[in-house]
N, C-alpha and C. Protein backbone atom coordinates (compact mmCIF):
# COMPACT_ATOMS: atom_id res chain seq x y z
N UNK A 1 25.55 -5.92 0.40
CA UNK A 1 24.57 -6.22 -0.54
C UNK A 1 23.27 -7.23 0.74
N UNK A 2 23.08 -5.51 0.34
CA UNK A 2 21.41 -5.73 1.78
C UNK A 2 20.16 -6.91 1.14
N UNK A 3 19.71 -7.84 2.42
CA UNK A 3 19.27 -8.78 2.41
C UNK A 3 17.74 -8.23 3.23
N UNK A 4 16.68 -8.53 1.67
CA UNK A 4 14.94 -7.98 2.13
C UNK A 4 14.56 -8.61 2.63
N UNK A 5 13.78 -8.86 3.50
CA UNK A 5 13.01 -9.35 4.76
C UNK A 5 11.69 -9.53 3.85
N UNK A 6 11.45 -10.68 4.04
CA UNK A 6 10.51 -11.54 3.42
C UNK A 6 8.87 -11.97 4.29
N UNK A 7 7.99 -11.69 4.47
CA UNK A 7 6.68 -11.49 5.13
C UNK A 7 5.85 -11.93 5.08
N UNK A 8 5.41 -12.85 4.72
CA UNK A 8 3.89 -13.47 4.61
C UNK A 8 3.26 -12.69 4.68
N UNK A 9 1.82 -12.53 3.73
CA UNK A 9 1.04 -11.85 3.33
C UNK A 9 0.20 -11.73 4.85
N UNK A 10 -0.06 -13.23 5.07
CA UNK A 10 -0.79 -13.15 6.39
C UNK A 10 -0.33 -12.37 7.83
N UNK A 11 0.77 -13.07 7.89
CA UNK A 11 1.27 -12.00 8.99
C UNK A 11 2.39 -10.83 8.82
N UNK A 12 2.07 -9.97 7.72
CA UNK A 12 1.75 -8.50 7.40
C UNK A 12 0.45 -8.10 8.02
N UNK A 13 -1.19 -9.01 7.37
CA UNK A 13 -2.21 -8.60 7.76
C UNK A 13 -2.39 -8.19 8.76
N UNK A 14 -1.86 -9.48 10.01
CA UNK A 14 -1.79 -9.10 11.04
C UNK A 14 -1.18 -8.41 12.18
N UNK A 15 0.03 -8.05 11.57
CA UNK A 15 1.07 -7.08 12.11
C UNK A 15 1.55 -5.77 11.43
N UNK A 16 1.09 -5.32 10.95
CA UNK A 16 0.74 -4.33 9.20
C UNK A 16 1.03 -3.07 10.25
N UNK A 17 0.89 -1.98 11.50
CA UNK A 17 1.32 -1.25 12.01
C UNK A 17 2.42 -0.82 12.56
N UNK A 18 3.08 -2.34 13.11
CA UNK A 18 4.41 -2.32 14.05
C UNK A 18 5.09 -2.79 13.10
N UNK A 19 5.01 -3.92 11.59
CA UNK A 19 5.78 -3.49 10.03
C UNK A 19 5.79 -2.34 9.88
N UNK A 20 4.85 -1.68 9.56
CA UNK A 20 5.11 -0.10 9.33
C UNK A 20 6.38 0.24 9.84
N UNK A 21 6.28 -0.01 11.05
CA UNK A 21 6.45 1.47 11.85
C UNK A 21 8.68 0.64 11.28
N UNK A 22 8.20 -0.45 12.03
CA UNK A 22 9.48 -1.07 11.31
C UNK A 22 10.21 -0.90 10.09
N UNK A 23 9.66 -0.53 9.36
CA UNK A 23 10.46 0.66 8.15
C UNK A 23 10.56 1.25 8.01
N UNK A 24 9.70 2.32 8.95
CA UNK A 24 10.21 3.39 8.96
C UNK A 24 11.25 3.76 10.18
N UNK A 25 11.51 3.15 10.37
CA UNK A 25 12.84 2.97 11.57
C UNK A 25 14.09 2.51 11.45
N UNK A 26 13.87 1.16 10.87
CA UNK A 26 15.29 0.90 10.25
C UNK A 26 15.85 1.25 9.24
N UNK A 27 14.68 1.76 7.81
CA UNK A 27 14.30 2.25 6.33
C UNK A 27 15.13 1.25 5.95
N UNK A 28 14.68 -0.23 5.81
CA UNK A 28 15.12 -1.48 4.80
C UNK A 28 13.49 -1.23 4.56
N UNK A 29 13.33 -2.14 3.18
CA UNK A 29 12.45 -2.44 2.82
C UNK A 29 11.41 -3.86 3.28
N UNK A 30 10.30 -4.35 3.34
CA UNK A 30 10.22 -5.75 3.54
C UNK A 30 8.70 -5.72 1.78
N UNK A 31 9.62 -7.61 2.07
CA UNK A 31 8.48 -7.97 0.50
C UNK A 31 7.37 -8.79 1.17
N UNK A 32 6.59 -8.50 0.69
CA UNK A 32 5.37 -9.41 0.76
C UNK A 32 4.98 -10.74 0.42
N UNK A 33 4.51 -11.76 0.74
CA UNK A 33 4.37 -12.95 -0.50
C UNK A 33 3.42 -13.72 -0.05
N UNK A 34 3.05 -14.42 -0.87
CA UNK A 34 1.89 -15.32 -1.17
C UNK A 34 2.01 -16.66 -1.54
N UNK A 35 1.72 -17.95 -0.60
CA UNK A 35 2.32 -18.85 -0.76
C UNK A 35 3.85 -18.05 -1.54
N UNK A 36 4.67 -17.58 -0.48
CA UNK A 36 6.40 -18.05 -1.03
C UNK A 36 6.72 -17.53 -2.35
N UNK A 37 6.03 -16.63 -3.07
CA UNK A 37 5.42 -15.54 -3.78
C UNK A 37 5.38 -14.06 -3.88
N UNK A 38 6.24 -13.36 -4.41
CA UNK A 38 6.32 -11.11 -3.69
C UNK A 38 5.27 -11.15 -4.25
N UNK A 39 5.09 -10.36 -3.57
CA UNK A 39 3.86 -10.02 -4.48
C UNK A 39 3.55 -7.98 -4.08
N UNK A 40 4.22 -8.05 -3.38
CA UNK A 40 3.86 -6.95 -2.83
C UNK A 40 5.28 -5.72 -1.82
N UNK A 41 6.05 -4.63 -2.08
CA UNK A 41 6.80 -4.14 -1.40
C UNK A 41 6.51 -2.93 -0.43
N UNK A 42 6.84 -3.47 0.68
CA UNK A 42 7.53 -1.79 1.68
C UNK A 42 8.15 -1.41 1.86
N UNK A 43 8.39 0.25 1.54
CA UNK A 43 9.47 0.81 1.25
C UNK A 43 9.74 2.08 2.22
N UNK A 44 10.49 2.78 3.06
CA UNK A 44 10.09 3.59 3.13
C UNK A 44 10.29 5.03 2.46
N UNK A 45 9.50 6.08 3.15
CA UNK A 45 9.07 7.38 1.98
C UNK A 45 10.47 8.32 2.24
N UNK A 46 11.37 8.65 1.10
CA UNK A 46 12.34 9.50 1.64
C UNK A 46 11.44 10.65 1.97
N UNK A 47 12.10 11.99 2.95
CA UNK A 47 11.23 12.70 4.14
C UNK A 47 10.93 13.56 2.96
N UNK A 48 11.11 14.24 1.54
CA UNK A 48 10.90 15.21 1.05
C UNK A 48 9.77 14.35 -0.33
N UNK A 49 10.15 12.71 -0.76
CA UNK A 49 9.89 12.53 -2.06
C UNK A 49 7.97 12.87 -1.56
N UNK A 50 7.33 12.46 -0.50
CA UNK A 50 5.32 12.89 -0.73
C UNK A 50 5.69 13.97 -1.48
N UNK A 51 6.48 15.67 -1.30
CA UNK A 51 5.77 16.82 -2.00
C UNK A 51 6.14 16.86 -3.81
N UNK A 52 6.79 15.43 -4.34
CA UNK A 52 6.55 15.15 -5.74
C UNK A 52 5.36 14.66 -6.54
N UNK A 53 4.32 14.73 -5.60
CA UNK A 53 3.20 14.36 -5.97
C UNK A 53 2.40 15.74 -6.22
N UNK A 54 2.74 16.91 -5.24
CA UNK A 54 1.64 18.05 -5.62
C UNK A 54 1.65 18.39 -7.08
N UNK A 55 0.15 18.52 -7.30
CA UNK A 55 0.49 18.46 -9.02
C UNK A 55 0.57 17.24 -9.59
N UNK A 56 0.72 16.45 -9.49
CA UNK A 56 0.75 15.09 -10.17
C UNK A 56 -0.50 14.34 -9.87
N UNK A 57 -1.34 14.70 -9.14
CA UNK A 57 -2.24 13.63 -8.96
C UNK A 57 -3.77 14.69 -9.38
N UNK A 58 -4.17 14.01 -10.26
CA UNK A 58 -5.64 14.44 -10.65
C UNK A 58 -6.91 13.87 -10.25
N UNK A 59 -7.98 15.07 -9.92
CA UNK A 59 -8.88 14.06 -9.70
C UNK A 59 -9.80 14.36 -11.02
N UNK A 60 -10.35 12.46 -10.93
CA UNK A 60 -11.37 12.27 -11.99
C UNK A 60 -12.22 11.75 -11.82
N UNK A 61 -13.00 12.66 -10.53
CA UNK A 61 -14.41 12.02 -9.89
C UNK A 61 -13.99 10.95 -9.30
N UNK A 62 -15.69 10.73 -8.82
CA UNK A 62 -16.84 9.46 -8.25
C UNK A 62 -16.05 8.36 -8.61
N UNK A 63 -15.12 7.00 -7.99
CA UNK A 63 -14.22 6.44 -8.90
C UNK A 63 -14.85 5.33 -8.12
N UNK A 64 -16.30 5.49 -7.21
CA UNK A 64 -16.92 4.25 -6.44
C UNK A 64 -17.86 3.94 -6.79
N UNK A 65 -19.15 4.61 -7.21
CA UNK A 65 -19.59 4.86 -7.65
C UNK A 65 -20.50 4.47 -8.65
N UNK A 66 -21.12 3.63 -9.67
CA UNK A 66 -21.75 3.22 -10.76
C UNK A 66 -22.37 4.33 -11.58
N UNK A 67 -21.68 5.18 -12.93
CA UNK A 67 -21.90 5.88 -13.39
C UNK A 67 -23.08 5.50 -14.77
N UNK A 68 -23.66 4.78 -15.04
CA UNK A 68 -24.50 4.63 -16.53
C UNK A 68 -25.69 3.21 -15.48
N UNK A 69 -25.69 2.63 -13.93
CA UNK A 69 -26.96 2.03 -13.72
C UNK A 69 -28.00 3.53 -13.21
N UNK A 70 -29.47 2.28 -12.82
CA UNK A 70 -30.40 3.39 -12.88
C UNK A 70 -30.08 1.95 -11.15
N UNK A 71 -30.88 2.85 -9.83
CA UNK A 71 -30.87 2.17 -8.72
C UNK A 71 -32.05 2.61 -7.63
N UNK A 72 -32.48 1.30 -7.77
CA UNK A 72 -33.84 1.23 -7.32
C UNK A 72 -33.91 1.75 -5.43
N UNK A 73 -34.64 2.00 -4.64
CA UNK A 73 -34.94 2.27 -3.58
C UNK A 73 -34.98 1.43 -2.47
N UNK A 74 -34.40 0.65 -1.82
CA UNK A 74 -35.06 -0.77 -0.70
C UNK A 74 -35.92 0.27 -1.01
N UNK A 75 -37.54 -0.89 0.11
CA UNK A 75 -37.82 -0.51 -0.06
C UNK A 75 -38.49 -0.77 1.59
């Protein structure tokens, strides 16, 4: 049985790059917690698994800009 490491989300924010590199090098996942409760998981990517996304991502347009809002220019 593998023990999953838990890291508070505030610590992850401060050490993000180092923790991601650790996941990459050790292959072990890290569970991110907020107030002691799990909220997310950082897991290593299998070498070729990103290729599974090819053709599976569909561009739906701009998801940031409002679609029906009138904008006034600042003066």
